[in-house]
């Protein structure tokens, strides 16, 4: 199978610049980066793609056994990087894709030379002295609701995830993105996302890393950002003056400024 077609890969920007790979989160697609791409294309080669089961990816490539683990999504990233022969790329991952980037960098360290984690969470469920933001029963209820009525779940959850109640068009966009995702594939990705635990993988990161958190985020509270920053050696933590879980949409200028500043400092 043509991997670039499988993941609906788009390459744009400066062919002489460092490559920046933009990876979307659960229920989204590469279009969610449309406000970030213009800030990068002058200086960087920009790679966008859709995970299998999302956006305009080839849904025939979906296999539940592969995508029931974050490793399956990380393998997608590695295979896209190999198909484009990327070297020392900067990987920008939103939400669960931040952890997918960590795994991909571990699988293919020659391909990924820097990480930007946008609203990351290595584990969503509280555990002893770790606060992920949700109790185990909260996640069980969330997944049960999603699996019983995905469209209804999307309509109820998207505005909460997006935040910014005074800008309802943002929540509506996220809802539409959720609803455009195949429900069966979304159920697998959701379970993989919300039951994942990548905390131990963070200490193995060996590349320059930027952690971007929002001042208010019900999905990844600030305790999570502090944990990720503490666990990733030498990482930089930036708290954006932003509300919700999707700052690249709700606060694109601040998000883009933080990303470009970090990229410009890379060697």
C-alpha atoms as a PDB file:
ATOM      1  CA  UNK A   1       0.000   0.000   0.000  1.00  0.00           C
ATOM      2  CA  UNK A   2       1.116   3.541  -0.730  1.00  0.00           C
ATOM      3  CA  UNK A   3       1.785   4.866   2.780  1.00  0.00           C
ATOM      4  CA  UNK A   4       1.500   8.488   1.716  1.00  0.00           C
ATOM      5  CA  UNK A   5      -1.955   7.837   0.293  1.00  0.00           C
ATOM      6  CA  UNK A   6      -2.918   5.694   3.277  1.00  0.00           C
ATOM      7  CA  UNK A   7      -2.330   8.600   5.642  1.00  0.00           C
ATOM      8  CA  UNK A   8      -3.368  11.362   3.197  1.00  0.00           C
ATOM      9  CA  UNK A   9       0.052  12.988   3.533  1.00  0.00           C
ATOM     10  CA  UNK A  10       0.454  16.616   2.451  1.00  0.00           C
ATOM     11  CA  UNK A  11       3.852  18.287   2.099  1.00  0.00           C
ATOM     12  CA  UNK A  12       4.128  22.057   1.842  1.00  0.00           C
ATOM     13  CA  UNK A  13       6.371  24.939   2.816  1.00  0.00           C
ATOM     14  CA  UNK A  14      10.074  25.581   2.281  1.00  0.00           C
ATOM     15  CA  UNK A  15      11.781  22.493   0.792  1.00  0.00           C
ATOM     16  CA  UNK A  16      15.136  23.759   2.103  1.00  0.00           C
ATOM     17  CA  UNK A  17      13.937  24.174   5.687  1.00  0.00           C
ATOM     18  CA  UNK A  18      13.866  21.741   8.553  1.00  0.00           C
ATOM     19  CA  UNK A  19      10.899  19.394   8.368  1.00  0.00           C
ATOM     20  CA  UNK A  20       8.075  19.894  10.858  1.00  0.00           C
ATOM     21  CA  UNK A  21       5.504  17.105  11.157  1.00  0.00           C
ATOM     22  CA  UNK A  22       2.096  18.147  12.501  1.00  0.00           C
ATOM     23  CA  UNK A  23       0.012  15.372  14.100  1.00  0.00           C
ATOM     24  CA  UNK A  24      -3.643  15.781  15.078  1.00  0.00           C
ATOM     25  CA  UNK A  25      -5.419  14.424  18.144  1.00  0.00           C
ATOM     26  CA  UNK A  26      -8.378  12.089  18.655  1.00  0.00           C
ATOM     27  CA  UNK A  27     -11.405  12.803  16.477  1.00  0.00           C
ATOM     28  CA  UNK A  28      -9.557  15.368  14.390  1.00  0.00           C
ATOM     29  CA  UNK A  29      -7.611  15.561  11.141  1.00  0.00           C
ATOM     30  CA  UNK A  30      -4.859  17.633   9.566  1.00  0.00           C
ATOM     31  CA  UNK A  31      -7.263  20.520   8.882  1.00  0.00           C
ATOM     32  CA  UNK A  32      -7.025  21.363  12.590  1.00  0.00           C
ATOM     33  CA  UNK A  33      -3.557  22.772  11.880  1.00  0.00           C
ATOM     34  CA  UNK A  34      -4.734  25.278   9.254  1.00  0.00           C
ATOM     35  CA  UNK A  35      -4.030  28.243  11.567  1.00  0.00           C
ATOM     36  CA  UNK A  36      -0.537  26.964  12.394  1.00  0.00           C
ATOM     37  CA  UNK A  37       0.699  25.995   8.949  1.00  0.00           C
ATOM     38  CA  UNK A  38       0.910  29.608   7.654  1.00  0.00           C
ATOM     39  CA  UNK A  39       3.280  30.468  10.512  1.00  0.00           C
ATOM     40  CA  UNK A  40       5.662  27.688   9.442  1.00  0.00           C
ATOM     41  CA  UNK A  41       5.685  27.449   5.663  1.00  0.00           C
ATOM     42  CA  UNK A  42       8.156  30.281   4.990  1.00  0.00           C
ATOM     43  CA  UNK A  43      10.977  28.746   7.014  1.00  0.00           C
ATOM     44  CA  UNK A  44      10.069  25.067   7.311  1.00  0.00           C
ATOM     45  CA  UNK A  45       9.023  22.108   5.232  1.00  0.00           C
ATOM     46  CA  UNK A  46       5.672  21.106   6.720  1.00  0.00           C
ATOM     47  CA  UNK A  47       4.253  17.572   6.668  1.00  0.00           C
ATOM     48  CA  UNK A  48       0.599  17.006   7.528  1.00  0.00           C
ATOM     49  CA  UNK A  49      -1.223  13.690   7.619  1.00  0.00           C
ATOM     50  CA  UNK A  50      -4.313  11.911   8.924  1.00  0.00           C
ATOM     51  CA  UNK A  51      -4.116   8.867  11.161  1.00  0.00           C
ATOM     52  CA  UNK A  52      -5.836   5.826   9.684  1.00  0.00           C
ATOM     53  CA  UNK A  53      -9.528   6.135  10.519  1.00  0.00           C
ATOM     54  CA  UNK A  54      -9.413   9.945  10.552  1.00  0.00           C
ATOM     55  CA  UNK A  55      -9.896  12.630   7.918  1.00  0.00           C
ATOM     56  CA  UNK A  56      -9.241  11.478   4.374  1.00  0.00           C
ATOM     57  CA  UNK A  57      -7.025   8.551   5.294  1.00  0.00           C
ATOM     58  CA  UNK A  58      -7.588   5.186   3.653  1.00  0.00           C
ATOM     59  CA  UNK A  59     -10.030   3.546   6.050  1.00  0.00           C
ATOM     60  CA  UNK A  60      -9.476   0.166   4.398  1.00  0.00           C
ATOM     61  CA  UNK A  61      -6.070   0.145   6.118  1.00  0.00           C
ATOM     62  CA  UNK A  62      -7.683   0.178   9.563  1.00  0.00           C
ATOM     63  CA  UNK A  63      -6.979  -2.895  11.693  1.00  0.00           C
ATOM     64  CA  UNK A  64      -8.315  -2.981  15.235  1.00  0.00           C
ATOM     65  CA  UNK A  65      -5.471  -5.089  16.577  1.00  0.00           C
ATOM     66  CA  UNK A  66      -2.915  -2.547  15.314  1.00  0.00           C
ATOM     67  CA  UNK A  67      -4.753   0.557  16.475  1.00  0.00           C
ATOM     68  CA  UNK A  68      -5.730  -0.772  19.881  1.00  0.00           C
ATOM     69  CA  UNK A  69      -2.300   0.400  21.020  1.00  0.00           C
ATOM     70  CA  UNK A  70      -0.592   3.768  20.708  1.00  0.00           C
ATOM     71  CA  UNK A  71       2.314   1.828  19.210  1.00  0.00           C
ATOM     72  CA  UNK A  72       0.176   1.258  16.107  1.00  0.00           C
ATOM     73  CA  UNK A  73      -0.289   4.983  15.599  1.00  0.00           C
ATOM     74  CA  UNK A  74       3.405   5.588  16.307  1.00  0.00           C
ATOM     75  CA  UNK A  75       4.234   3.035  13.632  1.00  0.00           C
ATOM     76  CA  UNK A  76       2.150   5.089  11.191  1.00  0.00           C
ATOM     77  CA  UNK A  77       4.332   8.098  12.035  1.00  0.00           C
ATOM     78  CA  UNK A  78       7.540   6.139  11.554  1.00  0.00           C
ATOM     79  CA  UNK A  79       6.370   4.719   8.226  1.00  0.00           C
ATOM     80  CA  UNK A  80       5.408   8.177   6.952  1.00  0.00           C
ATOM     81  CA  UNK A  81       8.824   9.490   8.037  1.00  0.00           C
ATOM     82  CA  UNK A  82      10.541   6.592   6.266  1.00  0.00           C
ATOM     83  CA  UNK A  83       8.494   7.076   3.088  1.00  0.00           C
ATOM     84  CA  UNK A  84       9.571  10.734   2.984  1.00  0.00           C
ATOM     85  CA  UNK A  85      13.096   9.848   4.182  1.00  0.00           C
ATOM     86  CA  UNK A  86      12.863  12.417   6.958  1.00  0.00           C
ATOM     87  CA  UNK A  87      15.892  13.066   9.150  1.00  0.00           C
ATOM     88  CA  UNK A  88      15.937  15.024  12.381  1.00  0.00           C
ATOM     89  CA  UNK A  89      12.370  16.250  11.916  1.00  0.00           C
ATOM     90  CA  UNK A  90      10.506  18.233  14.567  1.00  0.00           C
ATOM     91  CA  UNK A  91       7.317  16.428  15.540  1.00  0.00           C
ATOM     92  CA  UNK A  92       4.424  18.565  16.803  1.00  0.00           C
ATOM     93  CA  UNK A  93       1.718  16.427  18.396  1.00  0.00           C
ATOM     94  CA  UNK A  94      -1.579  17.592  19.832  1.00  0.00           C
ATOM     95  CA  UNK A  95      -3.144  15.780  22.805  1.00  0.00           C
ATOM     96  CA  UNK A  96      -2.685  12.006  22.455  1.00  0.00           C
ATOM     97  CA  UNK A  97      -0.374  12.601  19.497  1.00  0.00           C
ATOM     98  CA  UNK A  98       2.154  14.114  21.867  1.00  0.00           C
ATOM     99  CA  UNK A  99       2.593  10.658  23.372  1.00  0.00           C
ATOM    100  CA  UNK A 100       2.483   9.036  19.955  1.00  0.00           C
ATOM    101  CA  UNK A 101       5.410  11.294  19.059  1.00  0.00           C
ATOM    102  CA  UNK A 102       7.323  10.125  22.124  1.00  0.00           C
ATOM    103  CA  UNK A 103       6.863   6.517  21.038  1.00  0.00           C
ATOM    104  CA  UNK A 104       7.760   7.253  17.410  1.00  0.00           C
ATOM    105  CA  UNK A 105      10.940   9.070  18.465  1.00  0.00           C
ATOM    106  CA  UNK A 106      11.908   5.995  20.463  1.00  0.00           C
ATOM    107  CA  UNK A 107      11.247   3.697  17.498  1.00  0.00           C
ATOM    108  CA  UNK A 108      13.144   5.818  14.980  1.00  0.00           C
ATOM    109  CA  UNK A 109      15.452   8.300  16.733  1.00  0.00           C
ATOM    110  CA  UNK A 110      17.208   9.175  13.479  1.00  0.00           C
ATOM    111  CA  UNK A 111      13.897  10.403  12.033  1.00  0.00           C
ATOM    112  CA  UNK A 112      12.678  12.665  14.860  1.00  0.00           C
ATOM    113  CA  UNK A 113      15.051  15.175  16.418  1.00  0.00           C
ATOM    114  CA  UNK A 114      12.690  17.356  18.464  1.00  0.00           C
ATOM    115  CA  UNK A 115       9.240  17.176  20.049  1.00  0.00           C
ATOM    116  CA  UNK A 116       6.539  19.767  20.633  1.00  0.00           C
ATOM    117  CA  UNK A 117       3.767  18.464  22.890  1.00  0.00           C
ATOM    118  CA  UNK A 118       0.573  20.520  22.651  1.00  0.00           C
ATOM    119  CA  UNK A 119      -1.749  19.848  25.617  1.00  0.00           C
ATOM    120  CA  UNK A 120      -0.198  16.422  26.298  1.00  0.00           C
ATOM    121  CA  UNK A 121      -1.354  13.788  28.748  1.00  0.00           C
ATOM    122  CA  UNK A 122       0.555  10.555  29.366  1.00  0.00           C
ATOM    123  CA  UNK A 123      -2.330   9.165  31.429  1.00  0.00           C
ATOM    124  CA  UNK A 124      -5.860  10.516  31.812  1.00  0.00           C
ATOM    125  CA  UNK A 125      -6.796   8.498  34.900  1.00  0.00           C
ATOM    126  CA  UNK A 126      -5.693   9.528  38.390  1.00  0.00           C
ATOM    127  CA  UNK A 127      -3.283   7.099  40.019  1.00  0.00           C
ATOM    128  CA  UNK A 128      -1.993   7.348  43.591  1.00  0.00           C
ATOM    129  CA  UNK A 129      -0.225  10.721  43.732  1.00  0.00           C
ATOM    130  CA  UNK A 130      -0.600  11.316  39.987  1.00  0.00           C
ATOM    131  CA  UNK A 131      -3.483  13.530  38.868  1.00  0.00           C
ATOM    132  CA  UNK A 132      -4.571  12.876  35.307  1.00  0.00           C
ATOM    133  CA  UNK A 133      -7.854  14.717  35.676  1.00  0.00           C
ATOM    134  CA  UNK A 134     -10.284  11.762  35.658  1.00  0.00           C
ATOM    135  CA  UNK A 135     -11.279   8.958  37.972  1.00  0.00           C
ATOM    136  CA  UNK A 136     -11.360   5.472  36.479  1.00  0.00           C
ATOM    137  CA  UNK A 137     -15.164   5.454  36.692  1.00  0.00           C
ATOM    138  CA  UNK A 138     -15.286   8.777  34.818  1.00  0.00           C
ATOM    139  CA  UNK A 139     -13.398   7.264  31.895  1.00  0.00           C
ATOM    140  CA  UNK A 140     -15.548   4.122  31.997  1.00  0.00           C
ATOM    141  CA  UNK A 141     -18.663   6.295  31.750  1.00  0.00           C
ATOM    142  CA  UNK A 142     -17.148   8.413  28.992  1.00  0.00           C
ATOM    143  CA  UNK A 143     -16.291   5.371  26.899  1.00  0.00           C
ATOM    144  CA  UNK A 144     -19.656   3.710  27.532  1.00  0.00           C
ATOM    145  CA  UNK A 145     -21.455   6.862  26.410  1.00  0.00           C
ATOM    146  CA  UNK A 146     -19.251   7.179  23.326  1.00  0.00           C
ATOM    147  CA  UNK A 147     -19.778   3.557  22.346  1.00  0.00           C
ATOM    148  CA  UNK A 148     -23.538   3.704  22.880  1.00  0.00           C
ATOM    149  CA  UNK A 149     -24.181   6.923  20.961  1.00  0.00           C
ATOM    150  CA  UNK A 150     -21.123   8.392  19.283  1.00  0.00           C
ATOM    151  CA  UNK A 151     -22.914  11.289  17.606  1.00  0.00           C
ATOM    152  CA  UNK A 152     -24.674  12.249  20.819  1.00  0.00           C
ATOM    153  CA  UNK A 153     -21.421  11.980  22.740  1.00  0.00           C
ATOM    154  CA  UNK A 154     -19.708  14.200  20.178  1.00  0.00           C
ATOM    155  CA  UNK A 155     -22.377  16.885  20.454  1.00  0.00           C
ATOM    156  CA  UNK A 156     -22.166  16.901  24.259  1.00  0.00           C
ATOM    157  CA  UNK A 157     -18.401  16.610  24.688  1.00  0.00           C
ATOM    158  CA  UNK A 158     -16.962  18.770  21.917  1.00  0.00           C
ATOM    159  CA  UNK A 159     -17.918  22.119  23.508  1.00  0.00           C
ATOM    160  CA  UNK A 160     -16.546  20.973  26.882  1.00  0.00           C
ATOM    161  CA  UNK A 161     -13.262  19.829  25.370  1.00  0.00           C
ATOM    162  CA  UNK A 162     -12.877  22.976  23.310  1.00  0.00           C
ATOM    163  CA  UNK A 163     -13.846  25.344  26.124  1.00  0.00           C
ATOM    164  CA  UNK A 164     -14.319  28.984  25.112  1.00  0.00           C
ATOM    165  CA  UNK A 165     -18.085  28.924  25.609  1.00  0.00           C
ATOM    166  CA  UNK A 166     -18.249  32.516  24.386  1.00  0.00           C
ATOM    167  CA  UNK A 167     -17.047  31.278  20.981  1.00  0.00           C
ATOM    168  CA  UNK A 168     -19.488  28.432  20.249  1.00  0.00           C
ATOM    169  CA  UNK A 169     -18.270  28.136  16.674  1.00  0.00           C
ATOM    170  CA  UNK A 170     -15.089  26.474  17.989  1.00  0.00           C
ATOM    171  CA  UNK A 171     -17.026  23.764  19.796  1.00  0.00           C
ATOM    172  CA  UNK A 172     -19.203  23.313  16.730  1.00  0.00           C
ATOM    173  CA  UNK A 173     -16.133  22.771  14.561  1.00  0.00           C
ATOM    174  CA  UNK A 174     -14.769  20.139  16.916  1.00  0.00           C
ATOM    175  CA  UNK A 175     -18.172  18.431  17.044  1.00  0.00           C
ATOM    176  CA  UNK A 176     -18.305  18.322  13.248  1.00  0.00           C
ATOM    177  CA  UNK A 177     -14.801  16.871  13.178  1.00  0.00           C
ATOM    178  CA  UNK A 178     -15.781  14.183  15.663  1.00  0.00           C
ATOM    179  CA  UNK A 179     -18.924  13.373  13.699  1.00  0.00           C
ATOM    180  CA  UNK A 180     -16.989  13.062  10.449  1.00  0.00           C
ATOM    181  CA  UNK A 181     -14.902  10.262  11.963  1.00  0.00           C
ATOM    182  CA  UNK A 182     -16.120   6.697  11.421  1.00  0.00           C
ATOM    183  CA  UNK A 183     -17.805   5.715  14.723  1.00  0.00           C
ATOM    184  CA  UNK A 184     -16.341   2.203  14.863  1.00  0.00           C
ATOM    185  CA  UNK A 185     -12.814   3.470  14.283  1.00  0.00           C
ATOM    186  CA  UNK A 186     -13.368   6.361  16.677  1.00  0.00           C
ATOM    187  CA  UNK A 187     -14.377   3.918  19.412  1.00  0.00           C
ATOM    188  CA  UNK A 188     -11.082   2.072  19.033  1.00  0.00           C
ATOM    189  CA  UNK A 189      -9.031   5.300  19.010  1.00  0.00           C
ATOM    190  CA  UNK A 190     -10.940   6.625  22.032  1.00  0.00           C
ATOM    191  CA  UNK A 191     -10.364   3.506  24.085  1.00  0.00           C
ATOM    192  CA  UNK A 192      -6.704   3.459  23.076  1.00  0.00           C
ATOM    193  CA  UNK A 193      -6.365   7.141  23.984  1.00  0.00           C
ATOM    194  CA  UNK A 194      -8.187   7.346  27.290  1.00  0.00           C
ATOM    195  CA  UNK A 195      -6.881   4.059  28.709  1.00  0.00           C
ATOM    196  CA  UNK A 196      -3.270   4.670  27.719  1.00  0.00           C
ATOM    197  CA  UNK A 197      -0.437   5.094  30.195  1.00  0.00           C
ATOM    198  CA  UNK A 198       2.757   6.469  28.690  1.00  0.00           C
ATOM    199  CA  UNK A 199       4.281   7.884  31.853  1.00  0.00           C
ATOM    200  CA  UNK A 200       7.272   5.551  31.838  1.00  0.00           C
ATOM    201  CA  UNK A 201       8.070   6.457  28.229  1.00  0.00           C
ATOM    202  CA  UNK A 202       8.665  10.111  29.073  1.00  0.00           C
ATOM    203  CA  UNK A 203      11.936   9.542  30.879  1.00  0.00           C
ATOM    204  CA  UNK A 204      13.380   7.936  27.738  1.00  0.00           C
ATOM    205  CA  UNK A 205      12.998  11.095  25.627  1.00  0.00           C
ATOM    206  CA  UNK A 206      16.418  12.267  24.470  1.00  0.00           C
ATOM    207  CA  UNK A 207      15.549  15.111  22.108  1.00  0.00           C
ATOM    208  CA  UNK A 208      14.794  18.812  22.730  1.00  0.00           C
ATOM    209  CA  UNK A 209      11.193  19.014  23.885  1.00  0.00           C
ATOM    210  CA  UNK A 210       8.663  21.811  24.283  1.00  0.00           C
ATOM    211  CA  UNK A 211       5.624  21.171  26.486  1.00  0.00           C
ATOM    212  CA  UNK A 212       2.726  23.530  25.762  1.00  0.00           C
ATOM    213  CA  UNK A 213      -0.098  23.573  28.283  1.00  0.00           C
ATOM    214  CA  UNK A 214      -3.182  25.780  28.547  1.00  0.00           C
ATOM    215  CA  UNK A 215      -3.995  27.887  31.573  1.00  0.00           C
ATOM    216  CA  UNK A 216      -7.337  26.057  31.787  1.00  0.00           C
ATOM    217  CA  UNK A 217      -7.877  22.628  30.254  1.00  0.00           C
ATOM    218  CA  UNK A 218     -10.324  20.027  31.581  1.00  0.00           C
ATOM    219  CA  UNK A 219      -8.682  17.231  29.565  1.00  0.00           C
ATOM    220  CA  UNK A 220      -5.067  17.950  30.512  1.00  0.00           C
ATOM    221  CA  UNK A 221      -4.971  20.046  33.705  1.00  0.00           C
ATOM    222  CA  UNK A 222      -1.839  21.933  34.631  1.00  0.00           C
ATOM    223  CA  UNK A 223      -0.713  19.228  37.035  1.00  0.00           C
ATOM    224  CA  UNK A 224      -0.280  17.024  33.954  1.00  0.00           C
ATOM    225  CA  UNK A 225       1.840  19.606  32.151  1.00  0.00           C
ATOM    226  CA  UNK A 226       4.043  19.943  35.218  1.00  0.00           C
ATOM    227  CA  UNK A 227       4.406  16.149  35.394  1.00  0.00           C
ATOM    228  CA  UNK A 228       5.396  15.856  31.727  1.00  0.00           C
ATOM    229  CA  UNK A 229       7.901  18.681  32.104  1.00  0.00           C
ATOM    230  CA  UNK A 230       9.387  17.051  35.212  1.00  0.00           C
ATOM    231  CA  UNK A 231       9.679  13.651  33.565  1.00  0.00           C
ATOM    232  CA  UNK A 232      11.162  14.700  30.205  1.00  0.00           C
ATOM    233  CA  UNK A 233      14.837  15.538  30.723  1.00  0.00           C
ATOM    234  CA  UNK A 234      15.695  19.095  29.768  1.00  0.00           C
ATOM    235  CA  UNK A 235      12.226  19.965  28.501  1.00  0.00           C
ATOM    236  CA  UNK A 236      10.790  23.480  28.342  1.00  0.00           C
ATOM    237  CA  UNK A 237       7.314  24.159  29.744  1.00  0.00           C
ATOM    238  CA  UNK A 238       5.230  27.058  28.424  1.00  0.00           C
ATOM    239  CA  UNK A 239       1.800  27.880  29.838  1.00  0.00           C
ATOM    240  CA  UNK A 240      -0.330  29.521  27.177  1.00  0.00           C
ATOM    241  CA  UNK A 241      -2.868  32.183  28.041  1.00  0.00           C
ATOM    242  CA  UNK A 242      -5.506  29.928  26.550  1.00  0.00           C
ATOM    243  CA  UNK A 243      -8.613  28.046  27.620  1.00  0.00           C
ATOM    244  CA  UNK A 244      -9.609  24.578  26.466  1.00  0.00           C
ATOM    245  CA  UNK A 245      -7.782  21.637  24.968  1.00  0.00           C
ATOM    246  CA  UNK A 246      -7.148  22.959  21.436  1.00  0.00           C
ATOM    247  CA  UNK A 247      -5.012  26.112  21.688  1.00  0.00           C
ATOM    248  CA  UNK A 248      -3.955  25.870  18.033  1.00  0.00           C
ATOM    249  CA  UNK A 249      -7.579  26.766  17.255  1.00  0.00           C
ATOM    250  CA  UNK A 250      -8.597  28.915  20.221  1.00  0.00           C
ATOM    251  CA  UNK A 251      -5.312  30.818  20.668  1.00  0.00           C
ATOM    252  CA  UNK A 252      -3.344  30.291  17.448  1.00  0.00           C
ATOM    253  CA  UNK A 253      -1.109  33.364  17.729  1.00  0.00           C
ATOM    254  CA  UNK A 254       0.212  32.430  21.168  1.00  0.00           C
ATOM    255  CA  UNK A 255       0.554  28.784  20.157  1.00  0.00           C
ATOM    256  CA  UNK A 256       2.375  29.594  16.929  1.00  0.00           C
ATOM    257  CA  UNK A 257       4.701  32.035  18.674  1.00  0.00           C
ATOM    258  CA  UNK A 258       5.721  29.416  21.220  1.00  0.00           C
ATOM    259  CA  UNK A 259       6.283  26.773  18.536  1.00  0.00           C
ATOM    260  CA  UNK A 260       8.284  28.999  16.190  1.00  0.00           C
ATOM    261  CA  UNK A 261      10.437  30.340  19.026  1.00  0.00           C
ATOM    262  CA  UNK A 262      11.297  26.776  20.036  1.00  0.00           C
ATOM    263  CA  UNK A 263      12.006  25.681  16.459  1.00  0.00           C
ATOM    264  CA  UNK A 264      14.221  28.702  15.789  1.00  0.00           C
ATOM    265  CA  UNK A 265      16.418  27.768  18.753  1.00  0.00           C
ATOM    266  CA  UNK A 266      17.046  24.231  17.480  1.00  0.00           C
ATOM    267  CA  UNK A 267      20.355  23.420  15.842  1.00  0.00           C
END
